[in-house]
Amino acid sequence: MRVLISGASVAGPVLAYWLTRYGFTVTVVERAPALRKTGGHAVDLFAPAVDIAAKMGVLDRIRARRTGTDLLTFHIPGRSRPVRMSTGKLVAAISERHVEIMRDDLSEIFYDAGRDDAEYVFDDSITAIGEDGEVEFERGPSRRFDLVIGADGLHSNVRRLVFGPEERFAAWIGSYLAVASVPNHLGLEGRMEGVSAVDRLVGLYSAAHLPDARAVFLFRTRAPLDYHYRDVPRQKELLREHFADLGWEVPRLLAELDATPAFYFDSITQLRMDTWSRGRVTLVGDAGYCPGPAVGGSTSLAVVGAYVLAGELAAAGGDPARAFPAYEAELDAYVRGSRKLALGMARRLVPAGRFDLWALVQTARVLDLLPDAVIRAAGRLGGRSARLHDAVTLKDYSPYEVAR
């Protein structure tokens, strides 16, 4: 059975890996001319995604490329002393198992795990999808596939072609995120340093294997901003408008924007669809159910979604009428929980007022004083919403694997 996957970032390569192990013939098409190595930013793998990486045999390699950020130090306007907190204590309240890794590194590891068993076509994209499975491409000749899967992110091309314009499903949740590659002028390793203020947060971090650093900008606005998601000069202009007066190292970071080799800017937006499937087409990861970049655990959700989709297709013998509803039902609680988590995290990470900023500082101080065991116990007592990721139980699809 021939399956076309659009997108070679995270969900796409994970899905390709598992589908080929179940005997499907897989082609992955990617708009970029090569596997993306654009600097990227740090992403989190929580318990279920960590378990899937272990099943794929790549967990040791992922751990070897972890960022190693163990300490957070944030300056608060009007406070003489910065706030410090262990990242281990912060994560302990969320998940028992966690790895932070640069997105580009993670994508490369997942790609390497299955690239010999799937066909990868770079520098091309889908322009039309017929009901009979005929797919037209921007550069290559048309081809016929039994299934088409969009793993092409928040601004999914497959979703647009099959379900309609993004505005129908996108729900902006009040904030924006930007990441830029900049010189590591503070010599950061194993720590993030930054500044937190009302409606704004800036962080700077690096990793042992990185030659530079990443500057992260999070900010809240009262209304959506006017820009196009591909208009980089306008996005940099918006950052300067919102952060020019913040102080700390921010003016220097803003001055680096014109020279940065890699830049990312987007709204923190949720995708809310009644169904992710139509006919022989379905969506996986951010393309179908993005809970919100940076705040909802979207990378872990994408990894789990790819694993479940491949498993349900194998269990259904490739029949989309059976597999797609089973896939959506299996993932529904995790998607809904991630959306709820993202709404709360967006409010906490970027304080909307002075009281919220004060509460953030006090929470950091308390967490830093508590032993890890106490924090983990408190997280478990918080129920499913507090330990959303750890509450996910992965189905065993191994009986469907084809002997290789």
Protein backbone atom coordinates (compact mmCIF):
# COMPACT_ATOMS: atom_id res chain seq x y z
CA MET A 1 0.00 0.00 0.00
CA ARG A 2 1.46 3.34 -1.09
CA VAL A 3 1.43 6.21 1.39
CA LEU A 4 2.50 9.80 0.74
CA ILE A 5 3.56 11.92 3.71
CA SER A 6 3.99 15.67 3.33
CA GLY A 7 6.60 17.06 5.72
CA ALA A 8 9.98 15.80 6.97
CA SER A 9 10.35 17.58 10.30
CA VAL A 10 9.31 15.39 13.27
CA ALA A 11 5.92 13.72 12.77
CA GLY A 12 6.70 12.84 9.14
CA PRO A 13 9.89 10.83 9.74
CA VAL A 14 8.41 9.11 12.82
CA LEU A 15 5.32 8.12 10.83
CA ALA A 16 7.46 6.92 7.91
CA TYR A 17 9.59 4.79 10.26
CA TRP A 18 6.62 2.95 11.73
CA LEU A 19 4.65 2.57 8.49
CA THR A 20 7.57 0.90 6.74
CA ARG A 21 7.85 -1.52 9.64
CA TYR A 22 4.25 -2.49 9.08
CA GLY A 23 4.88 -3.18 5.40
CA PHE A 24 3.64 0.04 3.80
CA THR A 25 5.48 1.64 0.87
CA VAL A 26 6.20 5.22 1.97
CA THR A 27 7.17 8.40 0.14
CA VAL A 28 7.91 11.60 2.07
CA VAL A 29 7.82 14.91 0.20
CA GLU A 30 9.45 17.97 1.74
CA ARG A 31 9.30 21.55 0.45
CA ALA A 32 12.83 22.38 1.67
CA PRO A 33 15.75 21.45 -0.64
CA ALA A 34 17.31 19.29 2.09
CA LEU A 35 16.64 18.22 5.64
CA ARG A 36 16.13 21.47 7.50
CA LYS A 37 19.21 22.63 9.46
CA THR A 38 18.24 26.22 10.15
CA GLY A 39 19.32 26.60 13.76
CA GLY A 40 16.01 25.60 15.26
CA HIS A 41 14.97 25.88 18.87
CA ALA A 42 14.75 23.58 21.87
CA VAL A 43 11.78 21.20 22.09
CA ASP A 44 10.63 18.83 24.81
CA LEU A 45 10.08 15.11 24.67
CA PHE A 46 7.96 13.91 27.57
CA ALA A 47 7.29 10.37 28.83
CA PRO A 48 5.28 8.80 25.97
CA ALA A 49 7.48 10.32 23.26
CA VAL A 50 10.58 9.19 25.16
CA ASP A 51 9.15 5.65 25.20
CA ILE A 52 8.52 5.76 21.44
CA ALA A 53 12.08 6.95 20.82
CA ALA A 54 13.28 3.98 22.86
CA LYS A 55 11.17 1.62 20.73
CA MET A 56 12.81 3.15 17.65
CA GLY A 57 16.28 2.55 19.10
CA VAL A 58 17.26 6.23 19.01
CA LEU A 59 16.86 7.28 22.65
CA ASP A 60 20.58 7.09 23.46
CA ARG A 61 21.37 9.32 20.49
CA ILE A 62 18.67 11.79 21.56
CA ARG A 63 20.03 11.92 25.09
CA ALA A 64 23.53 12.49 23.75
CA ARG A 65 22.27 15.63 22.00
CA ARG A 66 20.22 17.01 24.87
CA THR A 67 20.63 20.73 25.44
CA GLY A 68 21.80 20.28 29.03
CA THR A 69 19.97 23.39 30.26
CA ASP A 70 19.85 22.81 34.02
CA LEU A 71 19.47 26.32 35.45
CA LEU A 72 17.12 29.21 34.67
CA THR A 73 18.10 32.73 35.72
CA PHE A 74 15.65 35.55 35.05
CA HIS A 75 16.00 39.25 35.78
CA ILE A 76 12.84 41.09 36.82
CA PRO A 77 12.54 44.86 36.22
CA GLY A 78 12.55 46.62 39.59
CA ARG A 79 14.16 43.69 41.46
CA SER A 80 17.83 43.87 42.42
CA ARG A 81 18.29 40.10 42.53
CA PRO A 82 17.46 37.70 39.69
CA VAL A 83 15.21 34.67 40.15
CA ARG A 84 16.94 31.30 39.80
CA MET A 85 15.39 27.88 39.39
CA SER A 86 16.50 24.38 38.43
CA THR A 87 14.91 23.14 35.22
CA GLY A 88 14.86 19.68 36.77
CA LYS A 89 12.50 20.91 39.47
CA LEU A 90 10.25 22.56 36.91
CA VAL A 91 10.03 19.44 34.74
CA ALA A 92 9.56 17.17 37.78
CA ALA A 93 6.13 18.73 38.30
CA ILE A 94 5.13 17.80 34.73
CA SER A 95 6.69 14.47 33.80
CA GLU A 96 8.82 11.67 35.24
CA ARG A 97 10.84 11.37 32.01
CA HIS A 98 11.92 14.26 29.86
CA VAL A 99 14.58 15.23 27.33
CA GLU A 100 15.12 18.71 25.90
CA ILE A 101 16.78 18.71 22.48
CA MET A 102 17.19 21.12 19.58
CA ARG A 103 14.44 20.57 17.03
CA ASP A 104 16.86 20.23 14.10
CA ASP A 105 18.82 17.55 15.98
CA LEU A 106 15.64 15.63 16.76
CA SER A 107 14.45 15.81 13.16
CA GLU A 108 17.78 14.50 11.90
CA ILE A 109 17.77 11.60 14.36
CA PHE A 110 14.25 10.50 13.41
CA TYR A 111 15.08 10.91 9.71
CA ASP A 112 18.23 8.79 10.02
CA ALA A 113 16.27 6.05 11.81
CA GLY A 114 14.12 5.26 8.78
CA ARG A 115 15.54 6.98 5.71
CA ASP A 116 16.84 3.74 4.17
CA ASP A 117 13.34 2.22 4.15
CA ALA A 118 11.32 5.17 2.79
CA GLU A 119 11.62 7.36 -0.29
CA TYR A 120 12.38 11.01 0.53
CA VAL A 121 11.72 13.66 -2.13
CA PHE A 122 13.10 17.11 -1.27
CA ASP A 123 12.55 20.48 -2.93
CA ASP A 124 8.97 19.73 -3.95
CA SER A 125 5.44 20.15 -2.62
CA ILE A 126 1.90 18.99 -3.29
CA THR A 127 -0.32 21.21 -5.44
CA ALA A 128 -3.45 19.04 -5.76
CA ILE A 129 -4.92 15.88 -4.25
CA GLY A 130 -7.57 13.99 -6.20
CA GLU A 131 -10.29 11.89 -4.61
CA ASP A 132 -8.88 8.90 -6.51
CA GLY A 133 -5.44 9.38 -4.89
CA GLU A 134 -3.87 11.20 -7.84
CA VAL A 135 -1.40 13.75 -6.42
CA GLU A 136 0.10 16.61 -8.39
CA PHE A 137 3.40 18.21 -7.42
CA GLU A 138 4.99 21.58 -7.95
CA ARG A 139 8.06 20.10 -9.65
CA GLY A 140 7.74 16.35 -10.13
CA PRO A 141 5.23 14.39 -12.23
CA SER A 142 1.86 13.42 -10.77
CA ARG A 143 1.68 10.10 -8.91
CA ARG A 144 -1.07 7.95 -7.42
CA PHE A 145 -1.15 6.99 -3.73
CA ASP A 146 -3.56 5.00 -1.60
CA LEU A 147 -3.25 7.40 1.35
CA VAL A 148 -2.02 10.98 1.77
CA ILE A 149 -0.97 12.30 5.19
CA GLY A 150 -0.23 15.91 6.05
CA ALA A 151 2.63 16.20 8.54
CA ASP A 152 3.50 19.69 7.35
CA GLY A 153 3.04 21.80 10.44
CA LEU A 154 0.80 24.58 11.68
CA HIS A 155 0.52 26.18 8.22
CA SER A 156 -0.18 22.82 6.55
CA ASN A 157 -0.45 22.79 2.76
CA VAL A 158 -2.31 19.46 2.82
CA ARG A 159 -4.87 20.83 5.28
CA ARG A 160 -5.46 23.86 3.08
CA LEU A 161 -5.94 21.75 -0.05
CA VAL A 162 -8.34 19.25 1.54
CA PHE A 163 -10.09 21.07 4.41
CA GLY A 164 -9.91 24.73 3.45
CA PRO A 165 -8.15 27.90 4.65
CA GLU A 166 -6.32 27.97 7.96
CA GLU A 167 -8.56 30.70 9.39
CA ARG A 168 -11.40 28.18 9.75
CA PHE A 169 -9.48 26.17 12.32
CA ALA A 170 -6.87 28.47 13.87
CA ALA A 171 -7.47 29.94 17.32
CA TRP A 172 -4.90 32.51 18.41
CA ILE A 173 -4.34 32.28 22.18
CA GLY A 174 -2.88 35.72 22.74
CA SER A 175 0.90 35.42 22.38
CA TYR A 176 3.77 35.31 19.89
CA LEU A 177 7.03 33.39 19.81
CA ALA A 178 10.29 34.22 18.06
CA VAL A 179 13.65 32.42 18.08
CA ALA A 180 16.90 33.71 16.58
CA SER A 181 20.37 32.22 16.35
CA VAL A 182 22.85 34.71 17.87
CA PRO A 183 26.45 34.72 19.13
CA ASN A 184 26.88 33.17 22.59
CA HIS A 185 28.38 36.36 24.01
CA LEU A 186 27.51 35.40 27.61
CA GLY A 187 29.30 32.06 27.32
CA LEU A 188 26.15 30.17 28.32
CA GLU A 189 26.32 26.41 28.77
CA GLY A 190 23.90 24.44 30.90
CA ARG A 191 21.80 27.47 31.75
CA MET A 192 19.30 29.92 30.33
CA GLU A 193 19.44 33.57 31.29
CA GLY A 194 16.82 36.16 30.52
CA VAL A 195 14.40 38.86 31.60
CA SER A 196 10.71 38.58 32.45
CA ALA A 197 8.29 41.50 32.52
CA VAL A 198 4.58 42.11 32.11
CA ASP A 199 3.53 40.79 28.68
CA ARG A 200 7.14 40.03 27.67
CA LEU A 201 9.85 37.43 28.22
CA VAL A 202 13.30 37.04 26.65
CA GLY A 203 15.59 34.07 27.23
CA LEU A 204 19.07 33.22 25.96
CA TYR A 205 20.50 29.70 26.03
CA SER A 206 22.95 27.39 24.27
CA ALA A 207 24.07 23.76 24.38
CA ALA A 208 27.45 22.05 24.60
CA HIS A 209 27.45 21.06 20.91
CA LEU A 210 26.22 24.44 19.59
CA PRO A 211 28.66 27.06 18.30
CA ASP A 212 26.18 29.84 19.04
CA ALA A 213 23.11 30.55 21.20
CA ARG A 214 19.36 30.91 20.80
CA ALA A 215 17.46 34.05 21.77
CA VAL A 216 13.80 33.36 22.57
CA PHE A 217 11.18 36.11 22.59
CA LEU A 218 7.69 35.55 24.00
CA PHE A 219 5.18 38.39 24.14
CA ARG A 220 1.50 39.02 24.56
CA THR A 221 -0.63 41.50 22.62
CA ARG A 222 -4.23 42.59 23.08
CA ALA A 223 -5.13 41.92 19.44
CA PRO A 224 -3.60 39.86 16.61
CA LEU A 225 -0.69 41.51 14.79
CA ASP A 226 -0.77 42.42 11.12
CA TYR A 227 1.91 40.42 9.29
CA HIS A 228 2.35 37.43 6.97
CA TYR A 229 4.00 34.33 8.39
CA ARG A 230 6.61 34.39 5.60
CA ASP A 231 7.38 38.15 5.90
CA VAL A 232 10.59 37.98 7.97
CA PRO A 233 11.54 41.70 7.77
CA ARG A 234 8.11 42.66 9.15
CA GLN A 235 8.45 40.08 11.94
CA LYS A 236 11.81 41.50 13.01
CA GLU A 237 10.32 44.98 12.95
CA LEU A 238 7.55 43.80 15.30
CA LEU A 239 10.10 42.39 17.74
CA ARG A 240 11.94 45.70 17.85
CA GLU A 241 8.69 47.56 18.46
CA HIS A 242 7.71 45.35 21.40
CA PHE A 243 11.11 44.86 23.08
CA ALA A 244 13.18 47.98 22.40
CA ASP A 245 12.79 49.36 25.94
CA LEU A 246 13.18 46.16 27.96
CA GLY A 247 16.81 46.45 29.03
CA TRP A 248 19.19 43.69 30.19
CA GLU A 249 20.85 42.18 27.06
CA VAL A 250 17.77 42.76 24.91
CA PRO A 251 19.10 45.74 22.87
CA ARG A 252 22.13 43.66 21.89
CA LEU A 253 19.96 40.70 20.92
CA LEU A 254 17.71 42.92 18.81
CA ALA A 255 20.80 44.34 17.09
CA GLU A 256 21.74 40.80 16.05
CA LEU A 257 18.46 40.21 14.20
CA ASP A 258 19.67 41.52 10.86
CA ALA A 259 22.72 39.23 10.93
CA THR A 260 21.09 36.10 12.33
CA PRO A 261 21.52 33.02 10.10
CA ALA A 262 18.24 31.51 11.35
CA PHE A 263 15.02 33.14 12.49
CA TYR A 264 11.57 31.87 13.46
CA PHE A 265 8.46 33.89 14.26
CA ASP A 266 4.88 32.78 14.67
CA SER A 267 1.72 33.25 16.66
CA ILE A 268 0.95 30.84 19.49
CA THR A 269 -2.06 29.34 17.82
CA GLN A 270 -4.16 26.25 18.41
CA LEU A 271 -5.64 24.15 15.61
CA ARG A 272 -9.18 23.08 16.50
CA MET A 273 -10.76 20.70 14.00
CA ASP A 274 -13.78 18.44 14.46
CA THR A 275 -11.98 15.76 12.44
CA TRP A 276 -8.48 15.46 11.00
CA SER A 277 -9.49 13.02 8.27
CA ARG A 278 -11.36 13.15 4.98
CA GLY A 279 -11.51 10.20 2.58
CA ARG A 280 -8.01 8.89 1.99
CA VAL A 281 -6.37 11.95 3.61
CA THR A 282 -5.54 12.63 7.26
CA LEU A 283 -3.34 14.98 9.28
CA VAL A 284 -0.79 14.33 12.00
CA GLY A 285 0.98 16.58 14.51
CA ASP A 286 0.70 20.36 14.30
CA ALA A 287 -1.03 20.09 10.92
CA GLY A 288 -4.12 18.66 12.59
CA TYR A 289 -4.05 19.47 16.29
CA CYS A 290 -1.32 21.93 17.25
CA PRO A 291 -2.01 22.87 20.89
CA GLY A 292 0.21 25.95 20.67
CA PRO A 293 3.95 26.17 19.88
CA ALA A 294 6.19 26.29 22.99
CA VAL A 295 3.36 25.94 25.50
CA GLY A 296 1.44 22.72 24.83
CA GLY A 297 4.00 19.96 24.36
CA SER A 298 3.32 19.87 20.63
CA THR A 299 6.48 17.92 19.75
CA SER A 300 5.65 15.05 22.10
CA LEU A 301 2.06 15.10 20.84
CA ALA A 302 3.29 14.89 17.24
CA VAL A 303 5.53 11.90 18.00
CA VAL A 304 2.69 10.07 19.77
CA GLY A 305 0.25 10.97 17.01
CA ALA A 306 2.56 9.54 14.33
CA TYR A 307 3.06 6.33 16.30
CA VAL A 308 -0.68 5.86 16.89
CA LEU A 309 -1.65 6.66 13.29
CA ALA A 310 0.83 4.14 11.90
CA GLY A 311 -0.32 1.51 14.40
CA GLU A 312 -4.02 1.99 13.68
CA LEU A 313 -3.40 1.81 9.93
CA ALA A 314 -1.55 -1.46 10.45
CA ALA A 315 -4.32 -2.82 12.69
CA ALA A 316 -6.93 -1.92 10.05
CA GLY A 317 -4.99 -3.43 7.16
CA GLY A 318 -4.60 0.02 5.64
CA ASP A 319 -8.34 0.72 5.51
CA PRO A 320 -8.75 4.46 6.22
CA ALA A 321 -12.47 4.08 7.01
CA ARG A 322 -11.49 1.99 10.05
CA ALA A 323 -8.03 3.35 10.86
CA PHE A 324 -8.66 7.10 10.82
CA PRO A 325 -11.60 7.12 13.31
CA ALA A 326 -9.64 4.76 15.59
CA TYR A 327 -6.61 7.06 15.39
CA GLU A 328 -8.67 10.12 16.29
CA ALA A 329 -10.43 8.35 19.16
CA GLU A 330 -7.15 7.05 20.58
CA LEU A 331 -5.59 10.52 20.54
CA ASP A 332 -8.61 12.63 21.49
CA ALA A 333 -8.00 12.91 25.26
CA TYR A 334 -4.32 13.75 24.76
CA VAL A 335 -5.14 16.47 22.21
CA ARG A 336 -7.82 18.04 24.41
CA GLY A 337 -5.56 17.92 27.46
CA SER A 338 -2.70 19.52 25.52
CA ARG A 339 -4.95 22.39 24.43
CA LYS A 340 -5.99 23.02 28.02
CA LEU A 341 -2.39 22.81 29.21
CA ALA A 342 -1.29 25.29 26.53
CA LEU A 343 -3.86 27.89 27.59
CA GLY A 344 -2.61 27.73 31.18
CA MET A 345 1.07 27.75 30.25
CA ALA A 346 0.64 30.75 27.93
CA ARG A 347 -0.79 32.73 30.84
CA ARG A 348 1.94 31.64 33.27
CA LEU A 349 4.97 32.08 31.01
CA VAL A 350 4.01 35.58 29.90
CA PRO A 351 2.44 37.39 32.89
CA ALA A 352 -0.47 39.61 31.88
CA GLY A 353 -0.11 41.97 34.86
CA ARG A 354 2.03 42.86 37.85
CA PHE A 355 0.23 40.40 40.11
CA ASP A 356 0.83 37.58 37.60
CA LEU A 357 4.50 38.53 37.44
CA TRP A 358 4.71 38.52 41.24
CA ALA A 359 3.01 35.10 41.32
CA LEU A 360 5.50 33.75 38.78
CA VAL A 361 8.41 34.93 40.91
CA GLN A 362 6.95 33.40 44.07
CA THR A 363 6.25 30.08 42.33
CA ALA A 364 9.84 29.94 41.10
CA ARG A 365 11.17 30.65 44.59
CA VAL A 366 9.02 27.94 46.18
CA LEU A 367 9.88 25.32 43.56
CA ASP A 368 13.57 26.06 43.98
CA LEU A 369 13.31 25.36 47.72
CA LEU A 370 11.34 22.10 47.51
CA PRO A 371 13.08 18.72 47.08
CA ASP A 372 12.51 17.01 43.71
CA ALA A 373 10.68 14.12 45.40
CA VAL A 374 8.14 16.50 46.94
CA ILE A 375 7.57 18.23 43.60
CA ARG A 376 7.03 14.91 41.82
CA ALA A 377 4.60 13.79 44.51
CA ALA A 378 2.68 17.06 44.24
CA GLY A 379 2.49 16.64 40.48
CA ARG A 380 1.06 13.14 40.84
CA LEU A 381 -1.53 14.40 43.31
CA GLY A 382 -2.54 17.03 40.79
CA GLY A 383 -4.15 14.34 38.65
CA ARG A 384 -4.25 13.87 34.90
CA SER A 385 -4.19 17.56 34.04
CA ALA A 386 -0.95 18.14 35.99
CA ARG A 387 0.76 15.00 34.63
CA LEU A 388 -0.88 14.99 31.22
CA HIS A 389 2.00 13.34 29.38
CA ASP A 390 2.66 10.65 31.96
CA ALA A 391 -1.04 9.69 31.88
CA VAL A 392 -0.78 8.62 28.23
CA THR A 393 -0.74 4.84 27.75
CA LEU A 394 0.75 3.66 24.46
CA LYS A 395 -0.92 0.77 22.67
CA ASP A 396 1.28 -2.14 21.61
CA TYR A 397 1.19 -2.46 17.83
CA SER A 398 4.16 -4.84 17.61
CA PRO A 399 2.07 -7.82 16.37
CA TYR A 400 1.62 -5.94 13.07
CA GLU A 401 5.32 -5.44 12.40
CA VAL A 402 6.62 -7.19 9.30
CA ALA A 403 9.69 -9.39 9.65
CA ARG A 404 12.66 -7.62 8.12
